[in-house]
């Protein structure tokens, strides 16, 4: 029943790593005919009457694929949320809810009417399975996690095309807030599992659940990846209630104005411009052309090499942490070996950044001050490969992005590094796409064409900068 077999595994595994999920994301599909249950591989039917939250638990924690029609449910409430049946009159008149959950039958009637439900008669059955197994093309996906995981998931969904998220809580039967509301609205829906979900479905004390339309999953993962590169990660480390927050707070919360002035004020009559792109986009060619036209150039890649020369503090830190295995015969660092290590290990990459970034910024400010003293009306081009990933956009008056098509990028990377297509694809996929960076650009240099075409764009750009 899946249209693209294998499409979900990589996405789910990556999301499990970034959020450290402790149970499977649940794929849920409504079926028009109950006979369609027989088409789902490895599906199990309940051996006894069950609740909806029990079935979800069997999927997310027991690793089962399950299916049910109206006859498999213990109570009429569960299938009514899925539109598999109408509620009996003792529910619709408020009697059922007034026994425990509200004061009067009138309250119970309002309660029942407020619960979102899929329209009755559209479907005859439901199938659920761990999404990672790609059992079918799901309608919605349920993700369980603690509040910290959920706020990061919300942040990830809001990263592109921001909008306020509105969530609801009917109280008991709050599974409807996730499942039916998401299905009906086509929007992510966050819910606090109710008493029944915890009593019968074994949702844990700290757990919440979010239902996502299947089409939102790629957006969620993109957002999580970008936030991770920006330092917003799970688990969220504790800064300490009584500690000095100065070191833990981002620049944007503390010394933003001072940092901007420290950069832009260095060349008061000129301009400091950030230049970035993606691997094999031809960014170095563009920066060289700008320098030949008269711009002053600061190259973060060159600085990164200088700060790890033997004997310097960053070199000593790297050697102490990674060991002599990352050295070449002459004692210098083997950048390829280090890159291979941190590519596979996020924590080691974070540690390497802790060693390098402060030293790189220190040298950057030193070089900028020298250029400012020598020529206060300079156009300074600062070539920063990870400008967007490191949130450095605010430092520069203008941003230039060198853009290239994915096809050209892959071809150039294969030729430059003498690698196979599979490895080139892996490297490109691990980095922020150029379309994400172009969103921050004041100028875009399209570098798919000839060298002459690129130079023409650069010349027009430099005239504008002057």
Protein backbone atom coordinates (compact mmCIF):
# COMPACT_ATOMS: atom_id res chain seq x y z
CA UNK A 1 0.00 0.00 0.00
CA UNK A 2 3.03 2.30 0.17
CA UNK A 3 3.66 4.35 -2.98
CA UNK A 4 7.39 4.78 -2.47
CA UNK A 5 8.74 1.80 -0.58
CA UNK A 6 11.57 2.73 1.75
CA UNK A 7 10.90 6.49 1.79
CA UNK A 8 10.36 6.75 5.58
CA UNK A 9 13.21 4.77 7.13
CA UNK A 10 16.02 7.29 6.68
CA UNK A 11 13.82 10.21 7.77
CA UNK A 12 12.57 8.44 10.90
CA UNK A 13 16.01 7.19 11.95
CA UNK A 14 17.42 10.71 11.66
CA UNK A 15 14.55 12.17 13.67
CA UNK A 16 14.99 9.50 16.35
CA UNK A 17 18.63 10.57 16.73
CA UNK A 18 17.94 14.30 16.83
CA UNK A 19 15.06 14.02 19.34
CA UNK A 20 16.28 10.82 21.06
CA UNK A 21 12.79 9.38 20.88
CA UNK A 22 12.16 6.39 23.12
CA UNK A 23 9.24 4.94 21.15
CA UNK A 24 8.42 4.49 17.48
CA UNK A 25 6.61 7.26 15.57
CA UNK A 26 3.24 5.69 14.71
CA UNK A 27 1.88 5.66 11.16
CA UNK A 28 -1.92 5.72 11.10
CA UNK A 29 -4.12 5.10 8.07
CA UNK A 30 -7.88 5.11 7.79
CA UNK A 31 -9.29 2.41 5.48
CA UNK A 32 -12.52 2.71 3.52
CA UNK A 33 -13.16 -1.03 3.66
CA UNK A 34 -12.26 -3.38 6.51
CA UNK A 35 -11.11 -5.96 3.97
CA UNK A 36 -8.14 -3.69 3.25
CA UNK A 37 -6.65 -4.74 6.58
CA UNK A 38 -5.67 -7.99 4.89
CA UNK A 39 -3.37 -6.06 2.54
CA UNK A 40 -1.16 -4.67 5.31
CA UNK A 41 1.98 -6.82 5.85
CA UNK A 42 2.39 -8.51 9.27
CA UNK A 43 -0.82 -6.95 10.63
CA UNK A 44 -2.25 -8.34 13.88
CA UNK A 45 -5.87 -8.04 14.96
CA UNK A 46 -6.73 -7.69 18.67
CA UNK A 47 -7.47 -11.01 20.39
CA UNK A 48 -9.89 -9.24 22.74
CA UNK A 49 -11.86 -6.02 22.79
CA UNK A 50 -9.36 -3.16 23.06
CA UNK A 51 -9.15 0.60 23.47
CA UNK A 52 -7.57 2.85 20.86
CA UNK A 53 -4.77 3.86 23.21
CA UNK A 54 -3.93 0.17 23.82
CA UNK A 55 -3.49 -0.37 20.09
CA UNK A 56 -1.25 2.70 19.80
CA UNK A 57 0.89 1.39 22.66
CA UNK A 58 1.31 -1.98 20.92
CA UNK A 59 2.67 -0.12 17.91
CA UNK A 60 4.98 2.43 19.49
CA UNK A 61 6.40 0.27 22.27
CA UNK A 62 5.78 -3.36 21.25
CA UNK A 63 6.85 -2.85 17.62
CA UNK A 64 3.62 -4.33 16.25
CA UNK A 65 1.55 -3.55 13.19
CA UNK A 66 -2.11 -3.59 14.22
CA UNK A 67 -5.51 -3.06 12.68
CA UNK A 68 -9.10 -2.88 13.89
CA UNK A 69 -12.67 -2.32 12.79
CA UNK A 70 -15.58 -1.21 14.96
CA UNK A 71 -16.12 -4.71 16.37
CA UNK A 72 -12.62 -4.80 17.87
CA UNK A 73 -13.15 -1.87 20.24
CA UNK A 74 -14.18 -2.24 23.89
CA UNK A 75 -16.05 1.08 24.08
CA UNK A 76 -18.06 3.11 21.56
CA UNK A 77 -16.01 6.27 22.33
CA UNK A 78 -12.80 5.06 20.62
CA UNK A 79 -14.22 4.10 17.21
CA UNK A 80 -16.50 7.17 17.23
CA UNK A 81 -13.40 9.41 17.23
CA UNK A 82 -12.27 7.60 14.05
CA UNK A 83 -15.73 7.88 12.48
CA UNK A 84 -16.33 4.13 12.58
CA UNK A 85 -19.64 4.40 14.49
CA UNK A 86 -22.24 6.75 15.92
CA UNK A 87 -22.36 7.31 19.67
CA UNK A 88 -25.31 5.80 21.57
CA UNK A 89 -27.86 8.21 23.06
CA UNK A 90 -26.56 7.69 26.61
CA UNK A 91 -23.41 9.42 25.46
CA UNK A 92 -24.88 12.17 23.28
CA UNK A 93 -27.36 13.24 25.99
CA UNK A 94 -24.49 13.81 28.46
CA UNK A 95 -25.15 10.86 30.77
CA UNK A 96 -21.84 9.09 30.19
CA UNK A 97 -19.59 12.12 30.83
CA UNK A 98 -21.62 13.29 33.85
CA UNK A 99 -20.93 10.05 35.75
CA UNK A 100 -17.29 11.04 36.39
CA UNK A 101 -15.97 13.96 34.36
CA UNK A 102 -18.45 16.82 34.69
CA UNK A 103 -21.05 18.06 37.18
CA UNK A 104 -24.27 17.85 35.16
CA UNK A 105 -25.71 16.07 32.16
CA UNK A 106 -25.86 19.41 30.37
CA UNK A 107 -22.11 19.79 30.88
CA UNK A 108 -21.69 16.24 29.63
CA UNK A 109 -23.69 17.01 26.51
CA UNK A 110 -21.53 20.04 25.74
CA UNK A 111 -18.43 17.96 26.47
CA UNK A 112 -19.40 15.23 24.00
CA UNK A 113 -20.27 17.77 21.32
CA UNK A 114 -16.86 19.45 21.70
CA UNK A 115 -14.85 16.29 20.98
CA UNK A 116 -13.55 16.35 17.38
CA UNK A 117 -14.44 13.25 15.36
CA UNK A 118 -13.86 12.07 11.83
CA UNK A 119 -17.14 12.04 9.90
CA UNK A 120 -19.04 8.81 10.42
CA UNK A 121 -19.34 6.50 7.44
CA UNK A 122 -16.16 7.49 5.60
CA UNK A 123 -14.15 4.53 6.88
CA UNK A 124 -14.62 1.00 8.19
CA UNK A 125 -11.20 0.29 9.74
CA UNK A 126 -7.89 1.70 10.91
CA UNK A 127 -4.33 0.39 10.49
CA UNK A 128 -1.31 1.45 12.57
CA UNK A 129 2.38 0.52 12.39
CA UNK A 130 5.85 1.85 13.20
CA UNK A 131 6.45 4.44 10.47
CA UNK A 132 10.07 3.34 10.06
CA UNK A 133 8.92 0.05 8.44
CA UNK A 134 7.07 1.88 5.64
CA UNK A 135 4.00 -0.38 5.93
CA UNK A 136 1.65 1.91 4.01
CA UNK A 137 1.25 5.55 3.02
CA UNK A 138 -0.03 7.09 6.30
CA UNK A 139 -2.64 9.79 6.79
CA UNK A 140 -1.13 11.05 10.02
CA UNK A 141 1.82 10.24 12.27
CA UNK A 142 1.84 10.21 16.08
CA UNK A 143 5.05 11.18 17.89
CA UNK A 144 5.33 10.73 21.66
CA UNK A 145 7.86 12.64 23.72
CA UNK A 146 8.43 14.79 26.77
CA UNK A 147 7.71 18.56 26.84
CA UNK A 148 11.31 19.46 25.94
CA UNK A 149 11.21 17.23 22.87
CA UNK A 150 7.83 18.64 21.88
CA UNK A 151 8.87 22.29 22.05
CA UNK A 152 11.87 21.52 19.82
CA UNK A 153 9.53 19.77 17.38
CA UNK A 154 7.29 22.85 17.41
CA UNK A 155 10.33 25.11 16.86
CA UNK A 156 11.35 22.91 13.92
CA UNK A 157 7.90 23.13 12.32
CA UNK A 158 7.84 26.91 12.77
CA UNK A 159 11.28 27.49 11.23
CA UNK A 160 9.92 27.68 7.68
CA UNK A 161 6.85 29.87 7.05
CA UNK A 162 6.36 30.72 10.71
CA UNK A 163 2.85 30.62 12.13
CA UNK A 164 1.44 30.49 15.64
CA UNK A 165 0.33 26.99 16.61
CA UNK A 166 -2.99 26.66 18.37
CA UNK A 167 -3.66 23.53 20.39
CA UNK A 168 -6.77 22.30 22.18
CA UNK A 169 -7.66 20.13 25.14
CA UNK A 170 -11.11 18.59 25.52
CA UNK A 171 -9.95 16.79 28.68
CA UNK A 172 -10.66 13.07 28.86
CA UNK A 173 -10.65 11.49 25.37
CA UNK A 174 -7.87 13.91 24.46
CA UNK A 175 -6.61 11.38 21.92
CA UNK A 176 -9.22 13.08 19.72
CA UNK A 177 -7.29 16.35 20.05
CA UNK A 178 -4.31 14.71 18.38
CA UNK A 179 -5.82 12.19 15.97
CA UNK A 180 -9.17 13.59 14.80
CA UNK A 181 -8.21 17.27 14.98
CA UNK A 182 -5.04 16.69 12.95
CA UNK A 183 -6.96 14.61 10.43
CA UNK A 184 -9.72 17.19 10.06
CA UNK A 185 -7.59 20.37 10.07
CA UNK A 186 -4.56 19.06 8.18
CA UNK A 187 -2.33 20.77 10.78
CA UNK A 188 0.02 19.51 13.51
CA UNK A 189 -1.87 18.97 16.75
CA UNK A 190 -0.30 18.64 20.20
CA UNK A 191 -2.15 16.89 23.00
CA UNK A 192 -1.66 15.97 26.65
CA UNK A 193 -2.53 12.26 26.96
CA UNK A 194 -5.58 11.91 29.19
CA UNK A 195 -6.23 9.67 32.20
CA UNK A 196 -7.47 6.83 29.99
CA UNK A 197 -4.44 6.98 27.71
CA UNK A 198 -2.17 6.68 30.74
CA UNK A 199 -4.33 4.07 32.54
CA UNK A 200 -4.98 1.81 29.54
CA UNK A 201 -2.49 2.91 26.90
CA UNK A 202 0.42 3.32 29.34
CA UNK A 203 1.44 6.81 28.24
CA UNK A 204 4.07 7.87 30.78
CA UNK A 205 3.80 10.75 33.25
CA UNK A 206 6.12 13.01 31.24
CA UNK A 207 4.73 12.21 27.80
CA UNK A 208 2.85 14.37 25.34
CA UNK A 209 1.80 13.40 21.82
CA UNK A 210 1.83 15.31 18.57
CA UNK A 211 -0.06 14.24 15.48
CA UNK A 212 1.41 15.38 12.17
CA UNK A 213 -0.05 15.08 8.70
CA UNK A 214 2.36 12.87 6.78
CA UNK A 215 3.38 15.75 4.53
CA UNK A 216 4.78 17.70 7.50
CA UNK A 217 7.42 15.13 8.42
CA UNK A 218 10.08 16.33 5.96
CA UNK A 219 9.54 19.93 7.08
CA UNK A 220 9.91 18.85 10.72
CA UNK A 221 13.18 17.05 10.01
CA UNK A 222 14.59 19.99 8.02
CA UNK A 223 13.80 22.28 10.91
CA UNK A 224 15.39 19.94 13.47
CA UNK A 225 18.54 19.65 11.34
CA UNK A 226 18.86 23.42 10.99
CA UNK A 227 18.22 24.06 14.68
CA UNK A 228 20.83 21.44 15.57
CA UNK A 229 23.41 23.25 13.48
CA UNK A 230 22.43 26.47 15.23
CA UNK A 231 23.05 24.85 18.62
CA UNK A 232 19.41 24.21 19.59
CA UNK A 233 19.58 20.52 20.52
CA UNK A 234 18.05 17.78 22.61
CA UNK A 235 18.69 17.12 25.41
CA UNK A 236 18.61 20.77 26.42
CA UNK A 237 21.54 21.30 28.77
CA UNK A 238 20.98 23.07 32.09
CA UNK A 239 22.73 26.40 32.56
CA UNK A 240 22.02 26.41 36.31
CA UNK A 241 19.52 28.47 38.29
CA UNK A 242 22.17 30.27 40.34
CA UNK A 243 24.93 30.45 37.75
CA UNK A 244 26.17 33.37 35.68
CA UNK A 245 24.19 33.19 32.43
CA UNK A 246 26.58 35.40 30.45
CA UNK A 247 28.43 32.46 28.91
CA UNK A 248 25.27 30.45 28.20
CA UNK A 249 23.16 33.17 26.57
CA UNK A 250 23.42 33.64 22.78
CA UNK A 251 24.94 36.88 21.51
CA UNK A 252 21.53 38.04 20.30
CA UNK A 253 20.36 38.12 23.94
CA UNK A 254 23.34 39.97 25.37
CA UNK A 255 25.97 41.89 23.40
CA UNK A 256 24.34 42.01 19.97
CA UNK A 257 24.82 45.77 19.47
CA UNK A 258 28.41 45.63 20.71
CA UNK A 259 29.27 42.77 18.38
CA UNK A 260 27.75 44.54 15.38
CA UNK A 261 29.61 47.75 16.18
CA UNK A 262 32.83 45.80 16.71
CA UNK A 263 32.62 44.56 13.12
CA UNK A 264 30.94 47.37 11.18
CA UNK A 265 32.55 50.20 13.12
CA UNK A 266 36.03 48.99 12.19
CA UNK A 267 35.64 50.37 8.66
CA UNK A 268 33.38 53.38 9.35
CA UNK A 269 33.50 54.72 5.78
CA UNK A 270 33.45 51.34 4.09
CA UNK A 271 31.43 48.16 4.31
CA UNK A 272 31.89 44.68 5.80
CA UNK A 273 30.17 42.06 3.65
CA UNK A 274 29.65 38.37 4.40
CA UNK A 275 30.23 35.88 1.58
CA UNK A 276 29.01 32.29 1.75
CA UNK A 277 27.79 29.41 -0.37
CA UNK A 278 27.83 25.62 -0.39
CA UNK A 279 30.62 23.13 -0.99
CA UNK A 280 31.87 23.19 -4.60
CA UNK A 281 29.76 26.25 -5.46
CA UNK A 282 32.78 28.26 -6.61
CA UNK A 283 32.79 30.61 -3.64
CA UNK A 284 36.58 30.86 -3.62
CA UNK A 285 36.53 31.91 -7.28
CA UNK A 286 34.09 34.70 -6.48
CA UNK A 287 36.08 35.92 -3.46
CA UNK A 288 39.29 35.94 -5.53
CA UNK A 289 37.60 37.96 -8.27
CA UNK A 290 36.33 40.48 -5.70
CA UNK A 291 39.84 40.81 -4.27
CA UNK A 292 41.25 41.43 -7.76
CA UNK A 293 38.69 44.20 -8.24
CA UNK A 294 39.91 45.94 -5.08
CA UNK A 295 38.03 44.42 -2.16
CA UNK A 296 39.90 43.37 0.97
CA UNK A 297 39.48 39.68 1.81
CA UNK A 298 39.30 37.81 5.10
CA UNK A 299 39.04 34.03 4.62
CA UNK A 300 37.66 31.99 7.53
CA UNK A 301 38.91 28.76 5.95
CA UNK A 302 42.45 30.14 5.90
CA UNK A 303 42.12 31.34 9.49
CA UNK A 304 40.84 27.88 10.48
CA UNK A 305 44.04 26.36 9.10
CA UNK A 306 46.25 28.92 10.81
CA UNK A 307 44.79 28.47 14.31
CA UNK A 308 45.55 24.73 14.28
CA UNK A 309 49.18 25.01 13.25
CA UNK A 310 51.46 22.91 15.52
CA UNK A 311 52.06 24.50 18.89
CA UNK A 312 49.08 26.83 18.84
CA UNK A 313 46.39 26.49 21.59
CA UNK A 314 43.69 25.06 19.30
CA UNK A 315 46.14 22.47 17.93
CA UNK A 316 47.00 21.36 21.46
CA UNK A 317 43.32 21.07 22.41
CA UNK A 318 42.49 19.01 19.32
CA UNK A 319 45.44 16.71 19.88
CA UNK A 320 44.58 16.18 23.54
CA UNK A 321 40.96 15.28 22.72
CA UNK A 322 41.31 13.27 19.48
CA UNK A 323 44.79 11.81 20.03
CA UNK A 324 47.79 11.52 17.73
CA UNK A 325 45.75 9.42 15.28
CA UNK A 326 44.58 12.68 13.68
CA UNK A 327 48.14 13.83 12.90
CA UNK A 328 50.10 13.41 9.68
CA UNK A 329 53.74 12.29 9.66
CA UNK A 330 54.99 15.89 9.84
CA UNK A 331 52.88 16.56 12.97
CA UNK A 332 50.27 18.71 11.28
CA UNK A 333 46.61 17.81 11.64
CA UNK A 334 45.05 15.51 9.04
CA UNK A 335 41.98 17.57 8.19
CA UNK A 336 40.43 14.78 6.11
CA UNK A 337 40.69 12.30 8.99
CA UNK A 338 39.20 14.77 11.46
CA UNK A 339 36.41 15.57 9.01
CA UNK A 340 35.56 11.87 8.66
CA UNK A 341 35.41 11.49 12.45
CA UNK A 342 33.16 14.47 13.18
CA UNK A 343 30.94 13.75 10.17
CA UNK A 344 29.81 10.53 11.88
CA UNK A 345 29.71 11.84 15.45
CA UNK A 346 27.73 14.97 16.34
CA UNK A 347 29.20 15.26 19.85
CA UNK A 348 32.77 15.17 18.53
CA UNK A 349 31.86 17.81 15.95
CA UNK A 350 30.51 20.03 18.72
CA UNK A 351 33.71 19.53 20.71
CA UNK A 352 35.87 20.44 17.71
CA UNK A 353 33.86 23.63 17.26
CA UNK A 354 34.50 24.54 20.90
CA UNK A 355 38.26 24.32 20.25
CA UNK A 356 38.28 26.23 16.96
CA UNK A 357 35.57 28.85 16.88
CA UNK A 358 36.77 31.18 19.68
CA UNK A 359 40.29 31.24 18.15
CA UNK A 360 38.91 31.84 14.66
CA UNK A 361 36.78 34.78 15.83
CA UNK A 362 39.72 36.26 17.72
CA UNK A 363 41.90 36.17 14.59
CA UNK A 364 39.04 37.51 12.45
CA UNK A 365 38.63 40.58 14.67
CA UNK A 366 42.39 41.12 14.68
CA UNK A 367 42.61 41.07 10.88
CA UNK A 368 39.57 43.32 10.55
CA UNK A 369 41.09 45.92 12.89
CA UNK A 370 44.29 45.95 10.83
CA UNK A 371 42.34 46.52 7.59
CA UNK A 372 40.26 49.25 9.24
CA UNK A 373 43.35 51.12 10.41
CA UNK A 374 45.04 50.87 7.01
CA UNK A 375 42.00 51.89 4.96
CA UNK A 376 38.81 52.95 6.81
CA UNK A 377 36.77 53.11 3.58
CA UNK A 378 37.57 49.53 2.49
CA UNK A 379 35.03 47.10 1.12
CA UNK A 380 35.89 44.05 3.24
CA UNK A 381 34.66 40.66 1.99
CA UNK A 382 34.56 38.05 4.77
CA UNK A 383 34.45 34.56 3.27
CA UNK A 384 32.61 32.34 5.80
CA UNK A 385 31.58 28.86 4.58
CA UNK A 386 29.29 28.30 7.61
CA UNK A 387 28.02 31.87 7.91
CA UNK A 388 24.34 30.85 8.07
CA UNK A 389 24.91 27.67 10.09
CA UNK A 390 26.75 29.68 12.76
CA UNK A 391 24.15 32.48 12.83
CA UNK A 392 26.67 35.17 11.85
CA UNK A 393 24.34 37.01 9.46
CA UNK A 394 23.78 39.85 11.93
CA UNK A 395 27.47 40.86 11.85
CA UNK A 396 27.47 41.99 8.24
CA UNK A 397 25.87 44.90 6.47
CA UNK A 398 25.20 42.77 3.39
CA UNK A 399 25.27 39.05 2.58
CA UNK A 400 26.41 37.49 -0.71
CA UNK A 401 25.49 33.88 -1.48
CA UNK A 402 27.18 31.96 -4.29
CA UNK A 403 24.56 29.60 -5.67
CA UNK A 404 24.85 26.54 -7.87
CA UNK A 405 22.41 23.84 -8.98
CA UNK A 406 22.56 20.48 -7.14
CA UNK A 407 23.61 18.74 -10.37
CA UNK A 408 26.51 21.10 -11.02
CA UNK A 409 27.51 21.03 -7.37
CA UNK A 410 27.74 17.23 -7.35
CA UNK A 411 29.68 17.12 -10.61
CA UNK A 412 32.21 19.71 -9.40
CA UNK A 413 32.64 18.03 -6.01
CA UNK A 414 33.31 14.64 -7.63
CA UNK A 415 35.92 16.17 -9.94
CA UNK A 416 37.54 18.33 -7.26
CA UNK A 417 37.90 15.64 -4.59
CA UNK A 418 38.14 12.63 -6.94
CA UNK A 419 35.26 10.83 -5.23
CA UNK A 420 32.36 8.65 -6.36
CA UNK A 421 28.83 9.96 -6.82
CA UNK A 422 27.53 8.20 -3.69
CA UNK A 423 30.08 9.89 -1.43
CA UNK A 424 29.49 13.27 -3.06
CA UNK A 425 25.74 12.90 -2.49
CA UNK A 426 26.35 11.97 1.15
CA UNK A 427 28.54 15.03 1.74
CA UNK A 428 26.08 17.40 0.05
CA UNK A 429 23.11 15.95 1.95
CA UNK A 430 24.88 16.54 5.27
CA UNK A 431 25.06 20.29 4.67
CA UNK A 432 22.56 23.12 4.62
CA UNK A 433 21.06 23.42 1.11
CA UNK A 434 21.87 26.57 -0.83
CA UNK A 435 18.17 27.47 -1.07
CA UNK A 436 18.16 27.88 2.73
CA UNK A 437 21.12 30.25 2.53
CA UNK A 438 19.65 32.28 -0.33
CA UNK A 439 16.86 33.34 2.00
CA UNK A 440 19.41 35.50 3.87
CA UNK A 441 21.08 36.94 0.77
CA UNK A 442 21.16 40.56 -0.36
CA UNK A 443 22.95 39.42 -3.52
CA UNK A 444 23.06 36.01 -5.19
CA UNK A 445 25.82 35.04 -7.63
CA UNK A 446 24.51 32.26 -9.88
CA UNK A 447 27.59 30.19 -10.69
CA UNK A 448 26.30 27.47 -13.01
CA UNK A 449 27.52 29.13 -16.19
CA UNK A 450 30.87 30.12 -17.63
CA UNK A 451 33.66 31.88 -15.77
CA UNK A 452 33.01 34.98 -17.89
CA UNK A 453 29.34 35.02 -16.85
CA UNK A 454 30.31 34.78 -13.18
CA UNK A 455 32.89 37.55 -13.54
CA UNK A 456 30.28 39.80 -15.14
CA UNK A 457 27.97 39.28 -12.14
CA UNK A 458 30.84 39.93 -9.72
CA UNK A 459 31.81 43.17 -11.47
CA UNK A 460 28.23 44.47 -11.26
CA UNK A 461 28.11 43.47 -7.60
CA UNK A 462 31.38 45.24 -6.76
CA UNK A 463 30.20 48.45 -8.40
CA UNK A 464 27.09 48.30 -6.23
CA UNK A 465 29.20 47.69 -3.11
CA UNK A 466 31.44 50.66 -3.85
